[in-house]
Amino acid sequence: MATNSSSHSPRTVEEIFKDFSSRHAAVLRALTSDVEEFYSQCDPERDNLCLYGHPNDSWEVAVPAEEVPPELPEPVLGINFARDGMERRDWLSLVAMHTDSWLLSVAFYFGARLNRNERSRVFTLINDLPTVFEAVTGRKPLKDKPSVDSGKKSKNNAKREKPMKANQRLHEESDEEDEGNEDEHEETLCGSCGTNGNEDEFWIGCDICEKWFHGKCVKITPAKAQSIKEYRCPSCSNKRAKHMG
């Protein structure tokens, strides 16, 4: 039986990333330099098998843990059954994809007690590493492509992030600013509902009247906002429609 449990329990960002890196290196070795041994251990005639990466940099092909629920998230079950029914390259790619998912699940299991910023730091560190799938398939990580209309788009994106950054800056600089700068400390209010709401909410700024709105108030999602070159709030859109009419 696999020993997916660990005597240590990483708690800090650095400890969780170190645990992830060790497991990542182990499974990557199984699917690349040790691939012949890994392939031979995944006999379809055996019971359901999983690929484990351990924090001591070792990997293991074994049956899943017997306890329910297991101490840690378990890897995908039955990787051996598909071995002979697929092209070897495709099979390894499939195992790699499931392994990436498992590595993330273990990291964020350990990170459940972290705060929002710490979880973001963990993911940023993890995201700087190539995925197992990228390494196995030889794909290079895609870099963020600059926008075609980079000047305008970057300006819009910066505007849409401003309310959250402004609120964060209020808390960080509240002890440093003079009391006379009260105007600079005013919190942004939504042009639709008139409230500040939760600073973690998505906001979008009108490029015409420069008012700010909660995305939910004007039915704009973060994904939809990325495709908008120039956002007009409902009021400005109506004014334009009347003018054109």
Protein backbone atom coordinates (compact mmCIF):
# COMPACT_ATOMS: atom_id res chain seq x y z
CA MET A 1 0.00 0.00 0.00
CA ALA A 2 1.26 3.48 -0.81
CA THR A 3 2.39 5.74 1.98
CA ASN A 4 0.87 8.95 0.72
CA SER A 5 0.92 10.38 4.24
CA SER A 6 3.82 12.45 5.41
CA SER A 7 5.45 12.71 8.82
CA HIS A 8 5.90 16.42 8.25
CA SER A 9 3.11 18.89 7.67
CA PRO A 10 4.31 21.96 5.77
CA ARG A 11 2.57 25.11 6.96
CA THR A 12 4.43 28.13 5.62
CA VAL A 13 4.57 29.28 2.00
CA GLU A 14 8.21 28.22 1.75
CA GLU A 15 7.60 24.79 3.31
CA ILE A 16 4.62 24.08 1.06
CA PHE A 17 6.54 25.09 -2.06
CA LYS A 18 9.51 22.93 -1.01
CA ASP A 19 7.15 19.97 -0.56
CA PHE A 20 5.60 20.65 -3.98
CA SER A 21 9.02 20.98 -5.64
CA SER A 22 10.21 17.66 -4.24
CA ARG A 23 7.08 15.79 -5.32
CA HIS A 24 7.20 17.55 -8.70
CA ALA A 25 10.83 16.52 -9.28
CA ALA A 26 10.07 12.94 -8.29
CA VAL A 27 7.11 12.37 -10.62
CA LEU A 28 8.89 14.23 -13.42
CA ARG A 29 11.79 11.82 -13.13
CA ALA A 30 9.39 8.87 -13.26
CA LEU A 31 7.91 10.13 -16.53
CA THR A 32 11.21 11.10 -18.16
CA SER A 33 14.58 9.69 -17.09
CA ASP A 34 13.02 6.69 -15.27
CA VAL A 35 10.27 6.20 -17.83
CA GLU A 36 11.23 2.61 -18.74
CA GLU A 37 11.01 1.50 -15.14
CA PHE A 38 7.78 3.45 -14.65
CA TYR A 39 6.29 1.91 -17.80
CA SER A 40 7.12 -1.62 -16.69
CA GLN A 41 5.60 -1.09 -13.24
CA CYS A 42 2.26 0.02 -14.73
CA ASP A 43 1.18 -3.50 -15.66
CA PRO A 44 -2.48 -3.48 -16.78
CA GLU A 45 -2.88 -6.92 -15.17
CA ARG A 46 -2.33 -5.45 -11.71
CA ASP A 47 -4.92 -3.73 -9.54
CA ASN A 48 -5.68 -0.01 -9.86
CA LEU A 49 -2.39 1.84 -9.53
CA CYS A 50 -1.41 5.44 -8.80
CA LEU A 51 1.77 7.44 -9.35
CA TYR A 52 3.01 9.04 -6.14
CA GLY A 53 5.70 11.64 -5.70
CA HIS A 54 7.07 11.89 -2.18
CA PRO A 55 8.66 14.85 -0.37
CA ASN A 56 11.96 12.92 -0.16
CA ASP A 57 12.28 13.17 -3.98
CA SER A 58 11.27 9.53 -4.55
CA TRP A 59 8.45 8.24 -6.73
CA GLU A 60 6.31 5.15 -6.39
CA VAL A 61 3.70 3.24 -8.38
CA ALA A 62 1.32 1.68 -5.88
CA VAL A 63 -2.27 0.94 -4.96
CA PRO A 64 -4.10 3.82 -3.24
CA ALA A 65 -4.25 4.33 0.49
CA GLU A 66 -6.82 2.16 2.26
CA GLU A 67 -8.05 4.72 4.78
CA VAL A 68 -11.17 6.70 3.88
CA PRO A 69 -10.83 9.58 3.64
CA PRO A 70 -7.10 9.45 2.96
CA GLU A 71 -4.71 11.69 4.89
CA LEU A 72 -3.80 13.56 1.70
CA PRO A 73 -5.52 13.91 -1.69
CA GLU A 74 -4.90 10.81 -3.79
CA PRO A 75 -3.50 10.73 -7.35
CA VAL A 76 -5.70 9.60 -10.21
CA LEU A 77 -6.56 5.92 -9.96
CA GLY A 78 -5.92 3.21 -12.56
CA ILE A 79 -3.18 4.74 -14.72
CA ASN A 80 -2.02 1.22 -15.60
CA PHE A 81 -5.29 0.16 -17.25
CA ALA A 82 -4.89 2.56 -20.18
CA ARG A 83 -1.22 1.83 -20.76
CA ASP A 84 -1.62 -0.67 -23.58
CA GLY A 85 -4.74 0.89 -25.09
CA MET A 86 -3.08 4.16 -26.14
CA GLU A 87 0.01 5.34 -27.93
CA ARG A 88 2.81 5.46 -25.37
CA ARG A 89 3.34 9.20 -25.88
CA ASP A 90 -0.36 9.94 -25.41
CA TRP A 91 -0.54 7.76 -22.33
CA LEU A 92 2.40 9.50 -20.69
CA SER A 93 0.88 12.88 -21.53
CA LEU A 94 -2.42 11.85 -19.92
CA VAL A 95 -0.66 10.66 -16.77
CA ALA A 96 1.30 13.92 -16.69
CA MET A 97 -1.88 16.01 -16.86
CA HIS A 98 -3.48 14.10 -14.01
CA THR A 99 -0.24 14.31 -12.03
CA ASP A 100 -0.15 18.12 -12.37
CA SER A 101 -3.68 18.22 -10.98
CA TRP A 102 -2.70 16.02 -8.04
CA LEU A 103 0.39 18.08 -7.20
CA LEU A 104 -1.73 21.23 -7.04
CA SER A 105 -4.37 19.54 -4.90
CA VAL A 106 -1.75 18.44 -2.34
CA ALA A 107 -0.18 21.91 -2.23
CA PHE A 108 -3.50 23.63 -1.69
CA TYR A 109 -4.55 21.03 0.85
CA PHE A 110 -1.54 22.07 2.92
CA GLY A 111 -2.31 25.70 2.10
CA ALA A 112 -5.90 25.61 3.31
CA ARG A 113 -4.96 27.57 6.46
CA LEU A 114 -3.01 30.23 4.57
CA ASN A 115 -4.51 33.63 3.97
CA ARG A 116 -5.38 34.98 0.54
CA ASN A 117 -2.02 36.64 -0.11
CA GLU A 118 -0.06 33.60 1.06
CA ARG A 119 -2.06 31.27 -1.21
CA SER A 120 -1.35 33.64 -4.09
CA ARG A 121 2.37 33.50 -3.29
CA VAL A 122 2.31 29.70 -3.25
CA PHE A 123 0.62 29.56 -6.64
CA THR A 124 3.02 32.14 -8.10
CA LEU A 125 6.02 30.06 -6.99
CA ILE A 126 4.42 26.90 -8.39
CA ASN A 127 3.48 28.62 -11.64
CA ASP A 128 7.11 29.60 -12.25
CA LEU A 129 7.97 25.91 -12.63
CA PRO A 130 7.19 24.08 -15.88
CA THR A 131 4.28 21.71 -15.48
CA VAL A 132 4.88 17.98 -15.66
CA PHE A 133 2.79 17.96 -18.84
CA GLU A 134 5.01 20.63 -20.44
CA ALA A 135 8.16 18.72 -19.52
CA VAL A 136 6.86 15.36 -20.74
CA THR A 137 5.53 16.69 -24.05
CA GLY A 138 8.43 19.06 -24.64
CA ARG A 139 6.17 22.07 -24.82
CA LYS A 140 7.57 25.38 -23.72
CA PRO A 141 5.48 27.44 -21.29
CA LEU A 142 3.53 30.09 -23.19
CA LYS A 143 4.51 33.62 -22.33
CA ASP A 144 1.90 36.28 -21.86
CA LYS A 145 1.38 37.89 -25.24
CA PRO A 146 1.26 41.68 -25.41
CA SER A 147 -2.05 43.07 -26.53
CA VAL A 148 -2.37 44.31 -30.11
CA ASP A 149 -3.66 47.60 -28.76
CA SER A 150 -1.23 47.43 -25.86
CA GLY A 151 -1.36 51.09 -24.90
CA LYS A 152 -5.11 51.36 -24.61
CA LYS A 153 -5.68 47.88 -23.23
CA SER A 154 -3.03 48.27 -20.53
CA LYS A 155 -4.57 51.58 -19.55
CA ASN A 156 -8.01 50.01 -19.29
CA ASN A 157 -6.71 47.05 -17.32
CA ALA A 158 -4.93 49.37 -14.92
CA LYS A 159 -8.14 51.36 -14.47
CA ARG A 160 -10.16 48.25 -13.72
CA GLU A 161 -7.76 47.24 -10.96
CA LYS A 162 -7.61 50.69 -9.38
CA PRO A 163 -10.40 50.39 -6.78
CA MET A 164 -8.87 47.33 -5.13
CA LYS A 165 -5.39 48.78 -5.15
CA ALA A 166 -6.67 52.07 -3.83
CA ASN A 167 -8.41 50.33 -0.94
CA GLN A 168 -5.31 48.33 -0.12
CA ARG A 169 -3.24 51.48 -0.24
CA LEU A 170 -5.66 53.18 2.18
CA HIS A 171 -4.97 50.54 4.81
CA GLU A 172 -1.21 50.53 4.25
CA GLU A 173 -0.75 54.28 4.27
CA SER A 174 -3.37 55.29 6.84
CA ASP A 175 -0.73 55.73 9.52
CA GLU A 176 1.57 57.70 7.26
CA GLU A 177 -0.74 60.29 5.71
CA ASP A 178 -1.71 63.60 7.34
CA GLU A 179 -5.27 63.98 8.52
CA GLY A 180 -5.62 66.92 6.13
CA ASN A 181 -5.62 64.60 3.11
CA GLU A 182 -9.12 63.30 3.76
CA ASP A 183 -10.13 63.73 0.11
CA GLU A 184 -7.43 61.26 -0.92
CA HIS A 185 -8.78 58.75 1.58
CA GLU A 186 -12.29 58.62 0.20
CA GLU A 187 -13.30 55.10 -0.70
CA THR A 188 -14.51 54.45 -4.22
CA LEU A 189 -18.29 54.14 -4.47
CA CYS A 190 -20.10 52.15 -7.13
CA GLY A 191 -21.87 54.41 -9.64
CA SER A 192 -24.76 51.97 -9.75
CA CYS A 193 -25.50 50.88 -6.16
CA GLY A 194 -23.68 53.73 -4.40
CA THR A 195 -21.81 51.47 -1.99
CA ASN A 196 -18.18 50.51 -1.61
CA GLY A 197 -18.90 46.84 -1.08
CA ASN A 198 -16.21 44.25 -0.61
CA GLU A 199 -12.73 45.33 -1.71
CA ASP A 200 -12.21 41.85 -3.18
CA GLU A 201 -15.07 42.35 -5.63
CA PHE A 202 -14.38 42.96 -9.31
CA TRP A 203 -14.75 46.59 -10.42
CA ILE A 204 -14.77 48.22 -13.84
CA GLY A 205 -14.29 51.89 -14.72
CA CYS A 206 -16.22 53.74 -17.42
CA ASP A 207 -13.83 55.22 -19.99
CA ILE A 208 -16.25 58.09 -20.68
CA CYS A 209 -17.51 59.42 -17.32
CA GLU A 210 -14.70 57.71 -15.33
CA LYS A 211 -17.11 56.43 -12.71
CA TRP A 212 -16.52 53.04 -11.08
CA PHE A 213 -18.99 50.16 -10.95
CA HIS A 214 -19.16 46.73 -9.32
CA GLY A 215 -18.93 44.23 -12.15
CA LYS A 216 -22.03 42.45 -10.85
CA CYS A 217 -24.02 45.72 -10.87
CA VAL A 218 -23.41 46.28 -14.59
CA LYS A 219 -23.31 42.55 -15.46
CA ILE A 220 -19.65 42.54 -16.55
CA THR A 221 -17.41 39.61 -15.56
CA PRO A 222 -13.58 39.80 -15.35
CA ALA A 223 -13.35 37.56 -18.42
CA LYS A 224 -15.74 39.76 -20.42
CA ALA A 225 -13.87 42.90 -19.35
CA GLN A 226 -10.66 41.60 -20.93
CA SER A 227 -12.28 41.73 -24.37
CA ILE A 228 -13.64 45.27 -23.99
CA LYS A 229 -11.41 47.93 -25.53
CA GLU A 230 -13.49 50.88 -24.31
CA TYR A 231 -16.08 50.34 -21.59
CA ARG A 232 -19.14 52.60 -21.50
CA CYS A 233 -21.39 52.39 -18.47
CA PRO A 234 -25.17 51.99 -19.05
CA SER A 235 -25.72 55.73 -18.62
CA CYS A 236 -23.07 56.74 -21.13
CA SER A 237 -24.24 54.05 -23.55
CA ASN A 238 -27.80 55.44 -23.40
CA LYS A 239 -26.56 58.98 -23.97
CA ARG A 240 -24.63 57.86 -27.01
CA ALA A 241 -27.61 55.97 -28.38
CA LYS A 242 -29.88 59.02 -28.00
CA HIS A 243 -27.27 61.29 -29.60
CA MET A 244 -26.89 58.95 -32.58
CA GLY A 245 -30.66 58.65 -32.89
